[in-house]
Amino acid sequence: GALILPQAMILGTTFPLMAAGLVRRDLEHPGAGVAEAY
């Protein structure tokens, strides 16, 4: 488990970071950025 846990945690950070970036590029439609990322 320890061999893969650090990578899994970093993988988990990518979604909120990308979603935040997409939302800020289109502040008039914040939900669209999150939906696109997902």
All heavy atoms as atom14 arrays in JSON, in Angstrom:
{
  "sequence": "GALILPQAMILGTTFPLMAAGLVRRDLEHPGAGVAEAY",
  "atom14_mask": [
    [1, 1, 1, 1, 0, 0, 0, 0, 0, 0, 0, 0, 0, 0],
    [1, 1, 1, 1, 1, 0, 0, 0, 0, 0, 0, 0, 0, 0],
    [1, 1, 1, 1, 1, 1, 1, 1, 0, 0, 0, 0, 0, 0],
    [1, 1, 1, 1, 1, 1, 1, 1, 0, 0, 0, 0, 0, 0],
    [1, 1, 1, 1, 1, 1, 1, 1, 0, 0, 0, 0, 0, 0],
    [1, 1, 1, 1, 1, 1, 1, 0, 0, 0, 0, 0, 0, 0],
    [1, 1, 1, 1, 1, 1, 1, 1, 1, 0, 0, 0, 0, 0],
    [1, 1, 1, 1, 1, 0, 0, 0, 0, 0, 0, 0, 0, 0],
    [1, 1, 1, 1, 1, 1, 1, 1, 0, 0, 0, 0, 0, 0],
    [1, 1, 1, 1, 1, 1, 1, 1, 0, 0, 0, 0, 0, 0],
    [1, 1, 1, 1, 1, 1, 1, 1, 0, 0, 0, 0, 0, 0],
    [1, 1, 1, 1, 0, 0, 0, 0, 0, 0, 0, 0, 0, 0],
    [1, 1, 1, 1, 1, 1, 1, 0, 0, 0, 0, 0, 0, 0],
    [1, 1, 1, 1, 1, 1, 1, 0, 0, 0, 0, 0, 0, 0],
    [1, 1, 1, 1, 1, 1, 1, 1, 1, 1, 1, 0, 0, 0],
    [1, 1, 1, 1, 1, 1, 1, 0, 0, 0, 0, 0, 0, 0],
    [1, 1, 1, 1, 1, 1, 1, 1, 0, 0, 0, 0, 0, 0],
    [1, 1, 1, 1, 1, 1, 1, 1, 0, 0, 0, 0, 0, 0],
    [1, 1, 1, 1, 1, 0, 0, 0, 0, 0, 0, 0, 0, 0],
    [1, 1, 1, 1, 1, 0, 0, 0, 0, 0, 0, 0, 0, 0],
    [1, 1, 1, 1, 0, 0, 0, 0, 0, 0, 0, 0, 0, 0],
    [1, 1, 1, 1, 1, 1, 1, 1, 0, 0, 0, 0, 0, 0],
    [1, 1, 1, 1, 1, 1, 1, 0, 0, 0, 0, 0, 0, 0],
    [1, 1, 1, 1, 1, 1, 1, 1, 1, 1, 1, 0, 0, 0],
    [1, 1, 1, 1, 1, 1, 1, 1, 1, 1, 1, 0, 0, 0],
    [1, 1, 1, 1, 1, 1, 1, 1, 0, 0, 0, 0, 0, 0],
    [1, 1, 1, 1, 1, 1, 1, 1, 0, 0, 0, 0, 0, 0],
    [1, 1, 1, 1, 1, 1, 1, 1, 1, 0, 0, 0, 0, 0],
    [1, 1, 1, 1, 1, 1, 1, 1, 1, 1, 0, 0, 0, 0],
    [1, 1, 1, 1, 1, 1, 1, 0, 0, 0, 0, 0, 0, 0],
    [1, 1, 1, 1, 0, 0, 0, 0, 0, 0, 0, 0, 0, 0],
    [1, 1, 1, 1, 1, 0, 0, 0, 0, 0, 0, 0, 0, 0],
    [1, 1, 1, 1, 0, 0, 0, 0, 0, 0, 0, 0, 0, 0],
    [1, 1, 1, 1, 1, 1, 1, 0, 0, 0, 0, 0, 0, 0],
    [1, 1, 1, 1, 1, 0, 0, 0, 0, 0, 0, 0, 0, 0],
    [1, 1, 1, 1, 1, 1, 1, 1, 1, 0, 0, 0, 0, 0],
    [1, 1, 1, 1, 1, 0, 0, 0, 0, 0, 0, 0, 0, 0],
    [1, 1, 1, 1, 1, 1, 1, 1, 1, 1, 1, 1, 0, 0]
  ],
  "atom14_positions": [
    [[0.81, -1.21, 0.0], [0.0, 0.0, 0.0], [0.85, 1.26, 0.0], [0.52, 2.24, -0.68], [0.0, 0.0, 0.0], [0.0, 0.0, 0.0], [0.0, 0.0, 0.0], [0.0, 0.0, 0.0], [0.0, 0.0, 0.0], [0.0, 0.0, 0.0], [0.0, 0.0, 0.0], [0.0, 0.0, 0.0], [0.0, 0.0, 0.0], [0.0, 0.0, 0.0]],
    [[1.95, 1.24, 0.76], [2.81, 2.41, 0.84], [3.48, 2.73, -0.5], [3.81, 3.89, -0.77], [3.88, 2.19, 1.91], [0.0, 0.0, 0.0], [0.0, 0.0, 0.0], [0.0, 0.0, 0.0], [0.0, 0.0, 0.0], [0.0, 0.0, 0.0], [0.0, 0.0, 0.0], [0.0, 0.0, 0.0], [0.0, 0.0, 0.0], [0.0, 0.0, 0.0]],
    [[3.66, 1.71, -1.33], [4.31, 1.94, -2.62], [3.45, 2.79, -3.57], [3.97, 3.44, -4.47], [4.62, 0.59, -3.3], [5.81, -0.18, -2.73], [5.84, -1.59, -3.32], [7.11, 0.54, -3.05], [0.0, 0.0, 0.0], [0.0, 0.0, 0.0], [0.0, 0.0, 0.0], [0.0, 0.0, 0.0], [0.0, 0.0, 0.0], [0.0, 0.0, 0.0]],
    [[2.14, 2.78, -3.37], [1.26, 3.5, -4.31], [0.5, 4.65, -3.66], [-0.11, 5.45, -4.36], [0.26, 2.55, -4.98], [-0.67, 1.91, -3.95], [0.99, 1.47, -5.77], [-1.78, 1.07, -4.58], [0.0, 0.0, 0.0], [0.0, 0.0, 0.0], [0.0, 0.0, 0.0], [0.0, 0.0, 0.0], [0.0, 0.0, 0.0], [0.0, 0.0, 0.0]],
    [[0.52, 4.75, -2.33], [-0.27, 5.79, -1.66], [0.16, 7.21, -2.05], [-0.71, 8.05, -2.32], [-0.2, 5.6, -0.15], [-0.98, 6.63, 0.68], [-2.46, 6.59, 0.32], [-0.78, 6.37, 2.18], [0.0, 0.0, 0.0], [0.0, 0.0, 0.0], [0.0, 0.0, 0.0], [0.0, 0.0, 0.0], [0.0, 0.0, 0.0], [0.0, 0.0, 0.0]],
    [[1.45, 7.54, -2.08], [1.82, 8.92, -2.44], [1.31, 9.33, -3.82], [0.79, 10.44, -3.99], [3.35, 8.91, -2.39], [3.71, 7.78, -1.49], [2.66, 6.75, -1.73], [0.0, 0.0, 0.0], [0.0, 0.0, 0.0], [0.0, 0.0, 0.0], [0.0, 0.0, 0.0], [0.0, 0.0, 0.0], [0.0, 0.0, 0.0], [0.0, 0.0, 0.0]],
    [[1.45, 8.43, -4.79], [0.97, 8.75, -6.14], [-0.54, 8.95, -6.14], [-1.06, 9.85, -6.82], [1.34, 7.64, -7.13], [2.84, 7.42, -7.3], [3.35, 6.29, -6.44], [3.2, 6.32, -5.22], [3.95, 5.3, -7.06], [0.0, 0.0, 0.0], [0.0, 0.0, 0.0], [0.0, 0.0, 0.0], [0.0, 0.0, 0.0], [0.0, 0.0, 0.0]],
    [[-1.27, 8.09, -5.41], [-2.73, 8.21, -5.38], [-3.15, 9.55, -4.78], [-4.09, 10.19, -5.25], [-3.33, 7.05, -4.57], [0.0, 0.0, 0.0], [0.0, 0.0, 0.0], [0.0, 0.0, 0.0], [0.0, 0.0, 0.0], [0.0, 0.0, 0.0], [0.0, 0.0, 0.0], [0.0, 0.0, 0.0], [0.0, 0.0, 0.0], [0.0, 0.0, 0.0]],
    [[-2.45, 10.0, -3.75], [-2.79, 11.28, -3.13], [-2.52, 12.44, -4.1], [-3.32, 13.39, -4.18], [-1.99, 11.46, -1.84], [-2.39, 10.49, -0.74], [-1.35, 10.61, 0.74], [-1.75, 12.27, 1.28], [0.0, 0.0, 0.0], [0.0, 0.0, 0.0], [0.0, 0.0, 0.0], [0.0, 0.0, 0.0], [0.0, 0.0, 0.0], [0.0, 0.0, 0.0]],
    [[-1.42, 12.37, -4.84], [-1.13, 13.43, -5.8], [-2.16, 13.42, -6.93], [-2.6, 14.47, -7.41], [0.3, 13.28, -6.36], [1.32, 13.42, -5.25], [0.57, 14.32, -7.46], [2.75, 13.13, -5.66], [0.0, 0.0, 0.0], [0.0, 0.0, 0.0], [0.0, 0.0, 0.0], [0.0, 0.0, 0.0], [0.0, 0.0, 0.0], [0.0, 0.0, 0.0]],
    [[-2.57, 12.22, -7.37], [-3.63, 12.13, -8.37], [-4.9, 12.84, -7.9], [-5.59, 13.48, -8.69], [-3.95, 10.66, -8.67], [-3.03, 9.95, -9.67], [-3.3, 8.45, -9.63], [-3.24, 10.48, -11.07], [0.0, 0.0, 0.0], [0.0, 0.0, 0.0], [0.0, 0.0, 0.0], [0.0, 0.0, 0.0], [0.0, 0.0, 0.0], [0.0, 0.0, 0.0]],
    [[-5.19, 12.72, -6.61], [-6.38, 13.36, -6.08], [-6.33, 14.88, -6.12], [-7.38, 15.53, -6.14], [0.0, 0.0, 0.0], [0.0, 0.0, 0.0], [0.0, 0.0, 0.0], [0.0, 0.0, 0.0], [0.0, 0.0, 0.0], [0.0, 0.0, 0.0], [0.0, 0.0, 0.0], [0.0, 0.0, 0.0], [0.0, 0.0, 0.0], [0.0, 0.0, 0.0]],
    [[-5.14, 15.45, -6.14], [-5.02, 16.91, -6.16], [-5.27, 17.49, -7.55], [-5.56, 18.68, -7.67], [-3.63, 17.36, -5.69], [-2.63, 16.98, -6.65], [-3.28, 16.75, -4.34], [0.0, 0.0, 0.0], [0.0, 0.0, 0.0], [0.0, 0.0, 0.0], [0.0, 0.0, 0.0], [0.0, 0.0, 0.0], [0.0, 0.0, 0.0], [0.0, 0.0, 0.0]],
    [[-5.14, 16.68, -8.59], [-5.21, 17.23, -9.94], [-6.6, 17.75, -10.29], [-6.72, 18.77, -10.96], [-4.77, 16.18, -10.98], [-5.62, 15.01, -10.89], [-3.32, 15.78, -10.77], [0.0, 0.0, 0.0], [0.0, 0.0, 0.0], [0.0, 0.0, 0.0], [0.0, 0.0, 0.0], [0.0, 0.0, 0.0], [0.0, 0.0, 0.0], [0.0, 0.0, 0.0]],
    [[-7.65, 17.08, -9.82], [-9.0, 17.51, -10.19], [-9.34, 18.88, -9.62], [-9.77, 19.77, -10.38], [-10.04, 16.48, -9.78], [-11.44, 16.85, -10.18], [-11.9, 16.56, -11.45], [-12.28, 17.53, -9.31], [-13.19, 16.92, -11.84], [-13.55, 17.9, -9.69], [-14.01, 17.6, -10.95], [0.0, 0.0, 0.0], [0.0, 0.0, 0.0], [0.0, 0.0, 0.0]],
    [[-9.21, 19.11, -8.3], [-9.56, 20.45, -7.8], [-8.68, 21.55, -8.37], [-9.15, 22.67, -8.58], [-9.4, 20.32, -6.28], [-8.57, 19.11, -6.06], [-8.86, 18.2, -7.2], [0.0, 0.0, 0.0], [0.0, 0.0, 0.0], [0.0, 0.0, 0.0], [0.0, 0.0, 0.0], [0.0, 0.0, 0.0], [0.0, 0.0, 0.0], [0.0, 0.0, 0.0]],
    [[-7.41, 21.25, -8.64], [-6.53, 22.28, -9.21], [-6.94, 22.63, -10.63], [-7.01, 23.81, -11.0], [-5.08, 21.79, -9.18], [-4.45, 21.69, -7.79], [-3.08, 21.02, -7.87], [-4.32, 23.07, -7.14], [0.0, 0.0, 0.0], [0.0, 0.0, 0.0], [0.0, 0.0, 0.0], [0.0, 0.0, 0.0], [0.0, 0.0, 0.0], [0.0, 0.0, 0.0]],
    [[-7.23, 21.61, -11.46], [-7.66, 21.89, -12.82], [-9.03, 22.56, -12.83], [-9.26, 23.51, -13.6], [-7.69, 20.6, -13.64], [-8.23, 20.77, -15.06], [-7.3, 21.94, -16.07], [-5.91, 20.92, -16.58], [0.0, 0.0, 0.0], [0.0, 0.0, 0.0], [0.0, 0.0, 0.0], [0.0, 0.0, 0.0], [0.0, 0.0, 0.0], [0.0, 0.0, 0.0]],
    [[-9.95, 22.09, -11.99], [-11.27, 22.69, -11.94], [-11.18, 24.16, -11.54], [-11.87, 25.02, -12.12], [-12.15, 21.93, -10.95], [0.0, 0.0, 0.0], [0.0, 0.0, 0.0], [0.0, 0.0, 0.0], [0.0, 0.0, 0.0], [0.0, 0.0, 0.0], [0.0, 0.0, 0.0], [0.0, 0.0, 0.0], [0.0, 0.0, 0.0], [0.0, 0.0, 0.0]],
    [[-10.32, 24.48, -10.57], [-10.15, 25.87, -10.16], [-9.61, 26.71, -11.31], [-10.04, 27.85, -11.52], [-9.21, 25.95, -8.96], [0.0, 0.0, 0.0], [0.0, 0.0, 0.0], [0.0, 0.0, 0.0], [0.0, 0.0, 0.0], [0.0, 0.0, 0.0], [0.0, 0.0, 0.0], [0.0, 0.0, 0.0], [0.0, 0.0, 0.0], [0.0, 0.0, 0.0]],
    [[-8.68, 26.15, -12.07], [-8.14, 26.88, -13.22], [-9.17, 27.13, -14.29], [-9.26, 28.23, -14.85], [0.0, 0.0, 0.0], [0.0, 0.0, 0.0], [0.0, 0.0, 0.0], [0.0, 0.0, 0.0], [0.0, 0.0, 0.0], [0.0, 0.0, 0.0], [0.0, 0.0, 0.0], [0.0, 0.0, 0.0], [0.0, 0.0, 0.0], [0.0, 0.0, 0.0]],
    [[-10.0, 26.12, -14.58], [-11.03, 26.27, -15.61], [-12.11, 27.25, -15.17], [-12.62, 28.03, -15.98], [-11.65, 24.91, -15.94], [-10.74, 23.91, -16.66], [-11.43, 22.56, -16.82], [-10.31, 24.44, -18.02], [0.0, 0.0, 0.0], [0.0, 0.0, 0.0], [0.0, 0.0, 0.0], [0.0, 0.0, 0.0], [0.0, 0.0, 0.0], [0.0, 0.0, 0.0]],
    [[-12.46, 27.2, -13.89], [-13.48, 28.12, -13.39], [-13.01, 29.57, -13.51], [-13.77, 30.46, -13.91], [-13.83, 27.78, -11.92], [-14.62, 28.91, -11.28], [-14.64, 26.49, -11.86], [0.0, 0.0, 0.0], [0.0, 0.0, 0.0], [0.0, 0.0, 0.0], [0.0, 0.0, 0.0], [0.0, 0.0, 0.0], [0.0, 0.0, 0.0], [0.0, 0.0, 0.0]],
    [[-11.76, 29.83, -13.2], [-11.26, 31.19, -13.24], [-11.13, 31.72, -14.66], [-11.1, 32.93, -14.88], [-9.91, 31.28, -12.53], [-10.03, 31.01, -11.05], [-8.74, 31.23, -10.32], [-8.82, 30.72, -8.95], [-7.88, 30.93, -8.04], [-6.79, 31.62, -8.35], [-8.02, 30.44, -6.83], [0.0, 0.0, 0.0], [0.0, 0.0, 0.0], [0.0, 0.0, 0.0]],
    [[-11.05, 30.82, -15.62], [-10.98, 31.27, -17.01], [-12.36, 31.6, -17.56], [-12.47, 32.19, -18.64], [-10.32, 30.19, -17.88], [-8.86, 29.95, -17.53], [-8.27, 28.86, -18.4], [-8.14, 29.28, -19.79], [-7.1, 29.94, -20.28], [-6.08, 30.24, -19.48], [-7.06, 30.29, -21.55], [0.0, 0.0, 0.0], [0.0, 0.0, 0.0], [0.0, 0.0, 0.0]],
    [[-13.42, 31.22, -16.85], [-14.78, 31.52, -17.3], [-15.64, 31.74, -16.05], [-16.45, 30.89, -15.68], [-15.33, 30.36, -18.14], [-16.67, 30.7, -18.79], [-17.11, 31.87, -18.67], [-17.28, 29.81, -19.4], [0.0, 0.0, 0.0], [0.0, 0.0, 0.0], [0.0, 0.0, 0.0], [0.0, 0.0, 0.0], [0.0, 0.0, 0.0], [0.0, 0.0, 0.0]],
    [[-15.47, 32.89, -15.42], [-16.13, 33.17, -14.16], [-17.65, 33.31, -14.31], [-18.38, 33.18, -13.34], [-15.56, 34.45, -13.54], [-14.1, 34.36, -13.07], [-13.61, 35.71, -12.59], [-13.95, 33.32, -11.97], [0.0, 0.0, 0.0], [0.0, 0.0, 0.0], [0.0, 0.0, 0.0], [0.0, 0.0, 0.0], [0.0, 0.0, 0.0], [0.0, 0.0, 0.0]],
    [[-18.11, 33.57, -15.51], [-19.55, 33.7, -15.72], [-20.26, 32.35, -15.72], [-21.46, 32.29, -15.52], [-19.82, 34.42, -17.04], [-19.34, 35.87, -17.06], [-19.71, 36.56, -18.37], [-20.3, 35.89, -19.24], [-19.4, 37.76, -18.51], [0.0, 0.0, 0.0], [0.0, 0.0, 0.0], [0.0, 0.0, 0.0], [0.0, 0.0, 0.0], [0.0, 0.0, 0.0]],
    [[-19.5, 31.28, -15.96], [-20.1, 29.93, -15.98], [-19.22, 28.97, -15.17], [-18.6, 28.07, -15.73], [-20.24, 29.43, -17.42], [-20.97, 30.37, -18.33], [-20.33, 31.33, -19.06], [-22.3, 30.49, -18.6], [-21.23, 32.01, -19.77], [-22.43, 31.52, -19.5], [0.0, 0.0, 0.0], [0.0, 0.0, 0.0], [0.0, 0.0, 0.0], [0.0, 0.0, 0.0]],
    [[-19.14, 29.17, -13.84], [-18.25, 28.34, -13.03], [-18.61, 26.86, -13.04], [-17.74, 25.99, -13.02], [-18.39, 28.94, -11.63], [-19.72, 29.62, -11.64], [-19.89, 30.13, -13.03], [0.0, 0.0, 0.0], [0.0, 0.0, 0.0], [0.0, 0.0, 0.0], [0.0, 0.0, 0.0], [0.0, 0.0, 0.0], [0.0, 0.0, 0.0], [0.0, 0.0, 0.0]],
    [[-19.92, 26.57, -13.09], [-20.32, 25.16, -13.1], [-19.87, 24.42, -14.34], [-19.57, 23.23, -14.3], [0.0, 0.0, 0.0], [0.0, 0.0, 0.0], [0.0, 0.0, 0.0], [0.0, 0.0, 0.0], [0.0, 0.0, 0.0], [0.0, 0.0, 0.0], [0.0, 0.0, 0.0], [0.0, 0.0, 0.0], [0.0, 0.0, 0.0], [0.0, 0.0, 0.0]],
    [[-19.78, 25.14, -15.45], [-19.35, 24.51, -16.7], [-17.91, 24.03, -16.61], [-17.57, 22.96, -17.13], [-19.51, 25.48, -17.86], [0.0, 0.0, 0.0], [0.0, 0.0, 0.0], [0.0, 0.0, 0.0], [0.0, 0.0, 0.0], [0.0, 0.0, 0.0], [0.0, 0.0, 0.0], [0.0, 0.0, 0.0], [0.0, 0.0, 0.0], [0.0, 0.0, 0.0]],
    [[-17.06, 24.82, -15.95], [-15.66, 24.42, -15.81], [-15.5, 23.14, -15.02], [-14.74, 22.25, -15.4], [0.0, 0.0, 0.0], [0.0, 0.0, 0.0], [0.0, 0.0, 0.0], [0.0, 0.0, 0.0], [0.0, 0.0, 0.0], [0.0, 0.0, 0.0], [0.0, 0.0, 0.0], [0.0, 0.0, 0.0], [0.0, 0.0, 0.0], [0.0, 0.0, 0.0]],
    [[-16.24, 23.03, -13.91], [-16.16, 21.82, -13.09], [-16.72, 20.63, -13.85], [-16.16, 19.53, -13.82], [-16.92, 22.04, -11.76], [-16.93, 20.75, -10.95], [-16.29, 23.16, -10.96], [0.0, 0.0, 0.0], [0.0, 0.0, 0.0], [0.0, 0.0, 0.0], [0.0, 0.0, 0.0], [0.0, 0.0, 0.0], [0.0, 0.0, 0.0], [0.0, 0.0, 0.0]],
    [[-17.84, 20.83, -14.54], [-18.45, 19.74, -15.31], [-17.52, 19.26, -16.42], [-17.39, 18.05, -16.65], [-19.78, 20.2, -15.89], [0.0, 0.0, 0.0], [0.0, 0.0, 0.0], [0.0, 0.0, 0.0], [0.0, 0.0, 0.0], [0.0, 0.0, 0.0], [0.0, 0.0, 0.0], [0.0, 0.0, 0.0], [0.0, 0.0, 0.0], [0.0, 0.0, 0.0]],
    [[-16.87, 20.19, -17.09], [-15.94, 19.8, -18.15], [-14.77, 19.01, -17.59], [-14.36, 18.0, -18.18], [-15.43, 21.05, -18.86], [-16.34, 21.59, -19.93], [-15.66, 22.68, -20.72], [-15.53, 23.79, -20.19], [-15.24, 22.42, -21.86], [0.0, 0.0, 0.0], [0.0, 0.0, 0.0], [0.0, 0.0, 0.0], [0.0, 0.0, 0.0], [0.0, 0.0, 0.0]],
    [[-14.22, 19.47, -16.47], [-13.1, 18.76, -15.87], [-13.49, 17.34, -15.5], [-12.75, 16.39, -15.75], [-12.61, 19.52, -14.63], [0.0, 0.0, 0.0], [0.0, 0.0, 0.0], [0.0, 0.0, 0.0], [0.0, 0.0, 0.0], [0.0, 0.0, 0.0], [0.0, 0.0, 0.0], [0.0, 0.0, 0.0], [0.0, 0.0, 0.0], [0.0, 0.0, 0.0]],
    [[-14.67, 17.19, -14.91], [-15.13, 15.86, -14.51], [-15.36, 14.96, -15.73], [-14.96, 13.79, -15.73], [-16.42, 15.99, -13.7], [-16.91, 14.69, -13.12], [-16.36, 14.2, -11.93], [-17.89, 13.94, -13.75], [-16.79, 13.0, -11.4], [-18.31, 12.74, -13.23], [-17.76, 12.27, -12.05], [-18.18, 11.08, -11.53], [0.0, 0.0, 0.0], [0.0, 0.0, 0.0]]
  ]
}
